[in-house]
Amino acid sequence: MKKSVFYHAGCPVCLSAEHEILELMDPATIDVVHLGEEKSKIQDAENAGVKSVPALVTPTGNVLHINYGASMADVKN
């Protein structure tokens, strides 16, 4: 089964969203990617359609932007 991917940048908004997502969903079904620590994954996030973080990309490819922590431009800098 394909997993969802939760992208975040480590800011308080992102960490709060990560906590909530992991409480709501089975953690075994989600890959958590901290873009501040895994900069090589920024392109993957952008290719998936992520415009800001935190965001959850579902197994079907839908991007769910959650609150607003940072734009992808901010994450790249």
PDB file of N, CA and C in Angstrom:
ATOM      1  N   MET A   1       0.843  -1.181   0.000  1.00  0.00           N
ATOM      2  CA  MET A   1       0.000   0.000   0.000  1.00  0.00           C
ATOM      3  C   MET A   1       0.888   1.243   0.000  1.00  0.00           C
ATOM      4  N   LYS A   2       0.544   2.185  -0.833  1.00  0.00           N
ATOM      5  CA  LYS A   2       1.294   3.427  -0.906  1.00  0.00           C
ATOM      6  C   LYS A   2       0.965   4.297   0.311  1.00  0.00           C
ATOM      7  N   LYS A   3       1.991   4.973   0.816  1.00  0.00           N
ATOM      8  CA  LYS A   3       1.814   5.812   2.004  1.00  0.00           C
ATOM      9  C   LYS A   3       1.513   7.260   1.634  1.00  0.00           C
ATOM     10  N   SER A   4       0.910   7.972   2.570  1.00  0.00           N
ATOM     11  CA  SER A   4       0.812   9.424   2.489  1.00  0.00           C
ATOM     12  C   SER A   4       2.173   9.987   2.878  1.00  0.00           C
ATOM     13  N   VAL A   5       2.452  11.210   2.423  1.00  0.00           N
ATOM     14  CA  VAL A   5       3.700  11.869   2.802  1.00  0.00           C
ATOM     15  C   VAL A   5       3.342  13.205   3.435  1.00  0.00           C
ATOM     16  N   PHE A   6       3.811  13.410   4.658  1.00  0.00           N
ATOM     17  CA  PHE A   6       3.596  14.668   5.363  1.00  0.00           C
ATOM     18  C   PHE A   6       4.889  15.469   5.304  1.00  0.00           C
ATOM     19  N   TYR A   7       4.839  16.603   4.599  1.00  0.00           N
ATOM     20  CA  TYR A   7       5.997  17.474   4.470  1.00  0.00           C
ATOM     21  C   TYR A   7       5.878  18.628   5.450  1.00  0.00           C
ATOM     22  N   HIS A   8       6.989  18.951   6.115  1.00  0.00           N
ATOM     23  CA  HIS A   8       7.000  20.106   7.002  1.00  0.00           C
ATOM     24  C   HIS A   8       8.403  20.691   7.084  1.00  0.00           C
ATOM     25  N   ALA A   9       8.500  21.851   7.734  1.00  0.00           N
ATOM     26  CA  ALA A   9       9.789  22.544   7.815  1.00  0.00           C
ATOM     27  C   ALA A   9      10.286  22.707   9.248  1.00  0.00           C
ATOM     28  N   GLY A  10       9.595  22.141  10.202  1.00  0.00           N
ATOM     29  CA  GLY A  10      10.046  22.183  11.579  1.00  0.00           C
ATOM     30  C   GLY A  10       9.579  23.375  12.394  1.00  0.00           C
ATOM     31  N   CYS A  11       8.790  24.248  11.788  1.00  0.00           N
ATOM     32  CA  CYS A  11       8.291  25.414  12.528  1.00  0.00           C
ATOM     33  C   CYS A  11       7.196  24.968  13.504  1.00  0.00           C
ATOM     34  N   PRO A  12       6.820  25.811  14.463  1.00  0.00           N
ATOM     35  CA  PRO A  12       5.788  25.417  15.427  1.00  0.00           C
ATOM     36  C   PRO A  12       4.457  25.009  14.773  1.00  0.00           C
ATOM     37  N   VAL A  13       4.046  25.710  13.719  1.00  0.00           N
ATOM     38  CA  VAL A  13       2.805  25.346  13.023  1.00  0.00           C
ATOM     39  C   VAL A  13       2.938  23.939  12.437  1.00  0.00           C
ATOM     40  N   CYS A  14       4.082  23.676  11.820  1.00  0.00           N
ATOM     41  CA  CYS A  14       4.329  22.363  11.206  1.00  0.00           C
ATOM     42  C   CYS A  14       4.363  21.248  12.248  1.00  0.00           C
ATOM     43  N   LEU A  15       5.045  21.485  13.341  1.00  0.00           N
ATOM     44  CA  LEU A  15       5.162  20.456  14.375  1.00  0.00           C
ATOM     45  C   LEU A  15       3.813  20.155  15.017  1.00  0.00           C
ATOM     46  N   SER A  16       2.998  21.186  15.200  1.00  0.00           N
ATOM     47  CA  SER A  16       1.657  20.983  15.734  1.00  0.00           C
ATOM     48  C   SER A  16       0.814  20.149  14.771  1.00  0.00           C
ATOM     49  N   ALA A  17       0.898  20.479  13.489  1.00  0.00           N
ATOM     50  CA  ALA A  17       0.152  19.729  12.481  1.00  0.00           C
ATOM     51  C   ALA A  17       0.637  18.283  12.410  1.00  0.00           C
ATOM     52  N   GLU A  18       1.953  18.083  12.490  1.00  0.00           N
ATOM     53  CA  GLU A  18       2.496  16.721  12.471  1.00  0.00           C
ATOM     54  C   GLU A  18       1.928  15.914  13.630  1.00  0.00           C
ATOM     55  N   HIS A  19       1.924  16.501  14.813  1.00  0.00           N
ATOM     56  CA  HIS A  19       1.398  15.807  15.987  1.00  0.00           C
ATOM     57  C   HIS A  19      -0.062  15.408  15.765  1.00  0.00           C
ATOM     58  N   GLU A  20      -0.860  16.334  15.260  1.00  0.00           N
ATOM     59  CA  GLU A  20      -2.285  16.061  15.042  1.00  0.00           C
ATOM     60  C   GLU A  20      -2.497  14.976  13.984  1.00  0.00           C
ATOM     61  N   ILE A  21      -1.758  15.069  12.884  1.00  0.00           N
ATOM     62  CA  ILE A  21      -1.889  14.077  11.807  1.00  0.00           C
ATOM     63  C   ILE A  21      -1.531  12.687  12.320  1.00  0.00           C
ATOM     64  N   LEU A  22      -0.446  12.596  13.081  1.00  0.00           N
ATOM     65  CA  LEU A  22      -0.026  11.290  13.596  1.00  0.00           C
ATOM     66  C   LEU A  22      -1.005  10.747  14.640  1.00  0.00           C
ATOM     67  N   GLU A  23      -1.733  11.626  15.307  1.00  0.00           N
ATOM     68  CA  GLU A  23      -2.766  11.181  16.252  1.00  0.00           C
ATOM     69  C   GLU A  23      -4.011  10.692  15.505  1.00  0.00           C
ATOM     70  N   LEU A  24      -4.306  11.313  14.374  1.00  0.00           N
ATOM     71  CA  LEU A  24      -5.520  10.982  13.615  1.00  0.00           C
ATOM     72  C   LEU A  24      -5.360   9.766  12.709  1.00  0.00           C
ATOM     73  N   MET A  25      -4.157   9.555  12.227  1.00  0.00           N
ATOM     74  CA  MET A  25      -3.905   8.490  11.264  1.00  0.00           C
ATOM     75  C   MET A  25      -2.937   7.471  11.838  1.00  0.00           C
ATOM     76  N   ASP A  26      -2.915   6.313  11.250  1.00  0.00           N
ATOM     77  CA  ASP A  26      -1.961   5.284  11.648  1.00  0.00           C
ATOM     78  C   ASP A  26      -0.570   5.728  11.199  1.00  0.00           C
ATOM     79  N   PRO A  27       0.351   5.965  12.123  1.00  0.00           N
ATOM     80  CA  PRO A  27       1.692   6.428  11.746  1.00  0.00           C
ATOM     81  C   PRO A  27       2.405   5.514  10.745  1.00  0.00           C
ATOM     82  N   ALA A  28       2.026   4.252  10.685  1.00  0.00           N
ATOM     83  CA  ALA A  28       2.642   3.324   9.733  1.00  0.00           C
ATOM     84  C   ALA A  28       2.251   3.631   8.292  1.00  0.00           C
ATOM     85  N   THR A  29       1.217   4.468   8.108  1.00  0.00           N
ATOM     86  CA  THR A  29       0.742   4.785   6.757  1.00  0.00           C
ATOM     87  C   THR A  29       1.250   6.136   6.263  1.00  0.00           C
ATOM     88  N   ILE A  30       2.153   6.768   7.036  1.00  0.00           N
ATOM     89  CA  ILE A  30       2.624   8.118   6.706  1.00  0.00           C
ATOM     90  C   ILE A  30       4.149   8.170   6.757  1.00  0.00           C
ATOM     91  N   ASP A  31       4.726   8.759   5.732  1.00  0.00           N
ATOM     92  CA  ASP A  31       6.146   9.103   5.773  1.00  0.00           C
ATOM     93  C   ASP A  31       6.226  10.580   6.131  1.00  0.00           C
ATOM     94  N   VAL A  32       6.965  10.915   7.170  1.00  0.00           N
ATOM     95  CA  VAL A  32       7.135  12.306   7.590  1.00  0.00           C
ATOM     96  C   VAL A  32       8.476  12.798   7.054  1.00  0.00           C
ATOM     97  N   VAL A  33       8.422  13.925   6.319  1.00  0.00           N
ATOM     98  CA  VAL A  33       9.628  14.491   5.724  1.00  0.00           C
ATOM     99  C   VAL A  33       9.829  15.906   6.243  1.00  0.00           C
ATOM    100  N   HIS A  34      10.898  16.111   6.981  1.00  0.00           N
ATOM    101  CA  HIS A  34      11.283  17.432   7.495  1.00  0.00           C
ATOM    102  C   HIS A  34      12.185  18.056   6.441  1.00  0.00           C
ATOM    103  N   LEU A  35      11.645  18.994   5.669  1.00  0.00           N
ATOM    104  CA  LEU A  35      12.376  19.574   4.549  1.00  0.00           C
ATOM    105  C   LEU A  35      13.583  20.403   4.983  1.00  0.00           C
ATOM    106  N   GLY A  36      13.582  20.879   6.209  1.00  0.00           N
ATOM    107  CA  GLY A  36      14.743  21.596   6.712  1.00  0.00           C
ATOM    108  C   GLY A  36      15.928  20.674   6.925  1.00  0.00           C
ATOM    109  N   GLU A  37      15.644  19.423   7.223  1.00  0.00           N
ATOM    110  CA  GLU A  37      16.692  18.426   7.458  1.00  0.00           C
ATOM    111  C   GLU A  37      16.964  17.559   6.230  1.00  0.00           C
ATOM    112  N   GLU A  38      15.971  17.482   5.327  1.00  0.00           N
ATOM    113  CA  GLU A  38      16.108  16.656   4.128  1.00  0.00           C
ATOM    114  C   GLU A  38      15.883  17.517   2.885  1.00  0.00           C
ATOM    115  N   LYS A  39      16.779  18.461   2.674  1.00  0.00           N
ATOM    116  CA  LYS A  39      16.626  19.399   1.562  1.00  0.00           C
ATOM    117  C   LYS A  39      16.567  18.702   0.207  1.00  0.00           C
ATOM    118  N   SER A  40      17.121  17.512   0.106  1.00  0.00           N
ATOM    119  CA  SER A  40      17.076  16.767  -1.149  1.00  0.00           C
ATOM    120  C   SER A  40      15.652  16.368  -1.527  1.00  0.00           C
ATOM    121  N   LYS A  41      14.719  16.440  -0.587  1.00  0.00           N
ATOM    122  CA  LYS A  41      13.323  16.066  -0.837  1.00  0.00           C
ATOM    123  C   LYS A  41      12.459  17.260  -1.259  1.00  0.00           C
ATOM    124  N   ILE A  42      13.029  18.475  -1.284  1.00  0.00           N
ATOM    125  CA  ILE A  42      12.252  19.658  -1.670  1.00  0.00           C
ATOM    126  C   ILE A  42      11.684  19.503  -3.073  1.00  0.00           C
ATOM    127  N   GLN A  43      12.492  19.025  -3.995  1.00  0.00           N
ATOM    128  CA  GLN A  43      12.018  18.852  -5.375  1.00  0.00           C
ATOM    129  C   GLN A  43      10.886  17.832  -5.445  1.00  0.00           C
ATOM    130  N   ASP A  44      10.980  16.759  -4.652  1.00  0.00           N
ATOM    131  CA  ASP A  44       9.895  15.762  -4.604  1.00  0.00           C
ATOM    132  C   ASP A  44       8.598  16.414  -4.152  1.00  0.00           C
ATOM    133  N   ALA A  45       8.691  17.255  -3.118  1.00  0.00           N
ATOM    134  CA  ALA A  45       7.503  17.943  -2.607  1.00  0.00           C
ATOM    135  C   ALA A  45       6.912  18.859  -3.672  1.00  0.00           C
ATOM    136  N   GLU A  46       7.762  19.632  -4.321  1.00  0.00           N
ATOM    137  CA  GLU A  46       7.273  20.540  -5.364  1.00  0.00           C
ATOM    138  C   GLU A  46       6.674  19.761  -6.535  1.00  0.00           C
ATOM    139  N   ASN A  47       7.300  18.667  -6.922  1.00  0.00           N
ATOM    140  CA  ASN A  47       6.766  17.842  -8.009  1.00  0.00           C
ATOM    141  C   ASN A  47       5.402  17.257  -7.665  1.00  0.00           C
ATOM    142  N   ALA A  48       5.183  17.024  -6.375  1.00  0.00           N
ATOM    143  CA  ALA A  48       3.894  16.497  -5.916  1.00  0.00           C
ATOM    144  C   ALA A  48       2.818  17.579  -5.859  1.00  0.00           C
ATOM    145  N   GLY A  49       3.229  18.848  -5.965  1.00  0.00           N
ATOM    146  CA  GLY A  49       2.262  19.945  -5.934  1.00  0.00           C
ATOM    147  C   GLY A  49       2.225  20.717  -4.642  1.00  0.00           C
ATOM    148  N   VAL A  50       3.172  20.464  -3.740  1.00  0.00           N
ATOM    149  CA  VAL A  50       3.211  21.180  -2.466  1.00  0.00           C
ATOM    150  C   VAL A  50       3.633  22.626  -2.718  1.00  0.00           C
ATOM    151  N   LYS A  51       2.809  23.569  -2.268  1.00  0.00           N
ATOM    152  CA  LYS A  51       3.077  24.999  -2.418  1.00  0.00           C
ATOM    153  C   LYS A  51       3.511  25.646  -1.113  1.00  0.00           C
ATOM    154  N   SER A  52       3.117  25.028  -0.003  1.00  0.00           N
ATOM    155  CA  SER A  52       3.488  25.523   1.324  1.00  0.00           C
ATOM    156  C   SER A  52       3.453  24.341   2.288  1.00  0.00           C
ATOM    157  N   VAL A  53       4.108  24.519   3.400  1.00  0.00           N
ATOM    158  CA  VAL A  53       4.103  23.475   4.427  1.00  0.00           C
ATOM    159  C   VAL A  53       3.488  24.031   5.703  1.00  0.00           C
ATOM    160  N   PRO A  54       2.880  23.196   6.478  1.00  0.00           N
ATOM    161  CA  PRO A  54       2.766  21.761   6.359  1.00  0.00           C
ATOM    162  C   PRO A  54       1.770  21.337   5.276  1.00  0.00           C
ATOM    163  N   ALA A  55       2.038  20.181   4.686  1.00  0.00           N
ATOM    164  CA  ALA A  55       1.155  19.639   3.662  1.00  0.00           C
ATOM    165  C   ALA A  55       1.201  18.118   3.709  1.00  0.00           C
ATOM    166  N   LEU A  56       0.068  17.523   3.424  1.00  0.00           N
ATOM    167  CA  LEU A  56      -0.043  16.071   3.370  1.00  0.00           C
ATOM    168  C   LEU A  56      -0.370  15.682   1.933  1.00  0.00           C
ATOM    169  N   VAL A  57       0.458  14.845   1.352  1.00  0.00           N
ATOM    170  CA  VAL A  57       0.194  14.316   0.016  1.00  0.00           C
ATOM    171  C   VAL A  57      -0.375  12.914   0.201  1.00  0.00           C
ATOM    172  N   THR A  58      -1.593  12.716  -0.298  1.00  0.00           N
ATOM    173  CA  THR A  58      -2.277  11.438  -0.123  1.00  0.00           C
ATOM    174  C   THR A  58      -1.761  10.411  -1.124  1.00  0.00           C
ATOM    175  N   PRO A  59      -2.047   9.137  -0.888  1.00  0.00           N
ATOM    176  CA  PRO A  59      -1.608   8.102  -1.829  1.00  0.00           C
ATOM    177  C   PRO A  59      -2.145   8.301  -3.251  1.00  0.00           C
ATOM    178  N   THR A  60      -3.258   9.000  -3.389  1.00  0.00           N
ATOM    179  CA  THR A  60      -3.818   9.252  -4.722  1.00  0.00           C
ATOM    180  C   THR A  60      -3.238  10.500  -5.370  1.00  0.00           C
ATOM    181  N   GLY A  61      -2.341  11.189  -4.651  1.00  0.00           N
ATOM    182  CA  GLY A  61      -1.687  12.362  -5.220  1.00  0.00           C
ATOM    183  C   GLY A  61      -2.322  13.696  -4.876  1.00  0.00           C
ATOM    184  N   ASN A  62      -3.381  13.691  -4.085  1.00  0.00           N
ATOM    185  CA  ASN A  62      -3.981  14.956  -3.653  1.00  0.00           C
ATOM    186  C   ASN A  62      -3.077  15.616  -2.622  1.00  0.00           C
ATOM    187  N   VAL A  63      -2.967  16.941  -2.708  1.00  0.00           N
ATOM    188  CA  VAL A  63      -2.158  17.701  -1.752  1.00  0.00           C
ATOM    189  C   VAL A  63      -3.096  18.456  -0.825  1.00  0.00           C
ATOM    190  N   LEU A  64      -2.977  18.185   0.453  1.00  0.00           N
ATOM    191  CA  LEU A  64      -3.787  18.858   1.468  1.00  0.00           C
ATOM    192  C   LEU A  64      -2.880  19.827   2.213  1.00  0.00           C
ATOM    193  N   HIS A  65      -3.040  21.106   1.924  1.00  0.00           N
ATOM    194  CA  HIS A  65      -2.249  22.124   2.614  1.00  0.00           C
ATOM    195  C   HIS A  65      -2.922  22.409   3.950  1.00  0.00           C
ATOM    196  N   ILE A  66      -2.159  22.319   5.028  1.00  0.00           N
ATOM    197  CA  ILE A  66      -2.692  22.428   6.382  1.00  0.00           C
ATOM    198  C   ILE A  66      -2.150  23.699   7.015  1.00  0.00           C
ATOM    199  N   ASN A  67      -3.056  24.599   7.408  1.00  0.00           N
ATOM    200  CA  ASN A  67      -2.619  25.881   7.965  1.00  0.00           C
ATOM    201  C   ASN A  67      -1.612  26.528   7.027  1.00  0.00           C
ATOM    202  N   TYR A  68      -0.779  27.380   7.543  1.00  0.00           N
ATOM    203  CA  TYR A  68       0.281  27.982   6.729  1.00  0.00           C
ATOM    204  C   TYR A  68       1.474  28.203   7.623  1.00  0.00           C
ATOM    205  N   GLY A  69       2.513  27.438   7.372  1.00  0.00           N
ATOM    206  CA  GLY A  69       3.744  27.575   8.140  1.00  0.00           C
ATOM    207  C   GLY A  69       4.789  28.330   7.361  1.00  0.00           C
ATOM    208  N   ALA A  70       5.000  27.912   6.097  1.00  0.00           N
ATOM    209  CA  ALA A  70       6.017  28.550   5.249  1.00  0.00           C
ATOM    210  C   ALA A  70       5.760  28.182   3.795  1.00  0.00           C
ATOM    211  N   SER A  71       6.073  29.095   2.905  1.00  0.00           N
ATOM    212  CA  SER A  71       5.998  28.795   1.475  1.00  0.00           C
ATOM    213  C   SER A  71       7.196  27.928   1.100  1.00  0.00           C
ATOM    214  N   MET A  72       7.114  27.300  -0.045  1.00  0.00           N
ATOM    215  CA  MET A  72       8.251  26.500  -0.500  1.00  0.00           C
ATOM    216  C   MET A  72       9.454  27.402  -0.781  1.00  0.00           C
ATOM    217  N   ALA A  73       9.217  28.636  -1.201  1.00  0.00           N
ATOM    218  CA  ALA A  73      10.320  29.572  -1.411  1.00  0.00           C
ATOM    219  C   ALA A  73      11.064  29.821  -0.092  1.00  0.00           C
ATOM    220  N   ASP A  74      10.304  29.944   0.995  1.00  0.00           N
ATOM    221  CA  ASP A  74      10.933  30.132   2.318  1.00  0.00           C
ATOM    222  C   ASP A  74      11.722  28.904   2.724  1.00  0.00           C
ATOM    223  N   VAL A  75      11.195  27.731   2.414  1.00  0.00           N
ATOM    224  CA  VAL A  75      11.866  26.482   2.777  1.00  0.00           C
ATOM    225  C   VAL A  75      13.181  26.333   2.040  1.00  0.00           C
ATOM    226  N   LYS A  76      13.217  26.777   0.789  1.00  0.00           N
ATOM    227  CA  LYS A  76      14.436  26.663  -0.024  1.00  0.00           C
ATOM    228  C   LYS A  76      15.562  27.554   0.484  1.00  0.00           C
ATOM    229  N   ASN A  77      15.215  28.658   1.109  1.00  0.00           N
ATOM    230  CA  ASN A  77      16.243  29.609   1.579  1.00  0.00           C
ATOM    231  C   ASN A  77      16.823  29.235   2.906  1.00  0.00           C
TER     232      ASN A  77
END
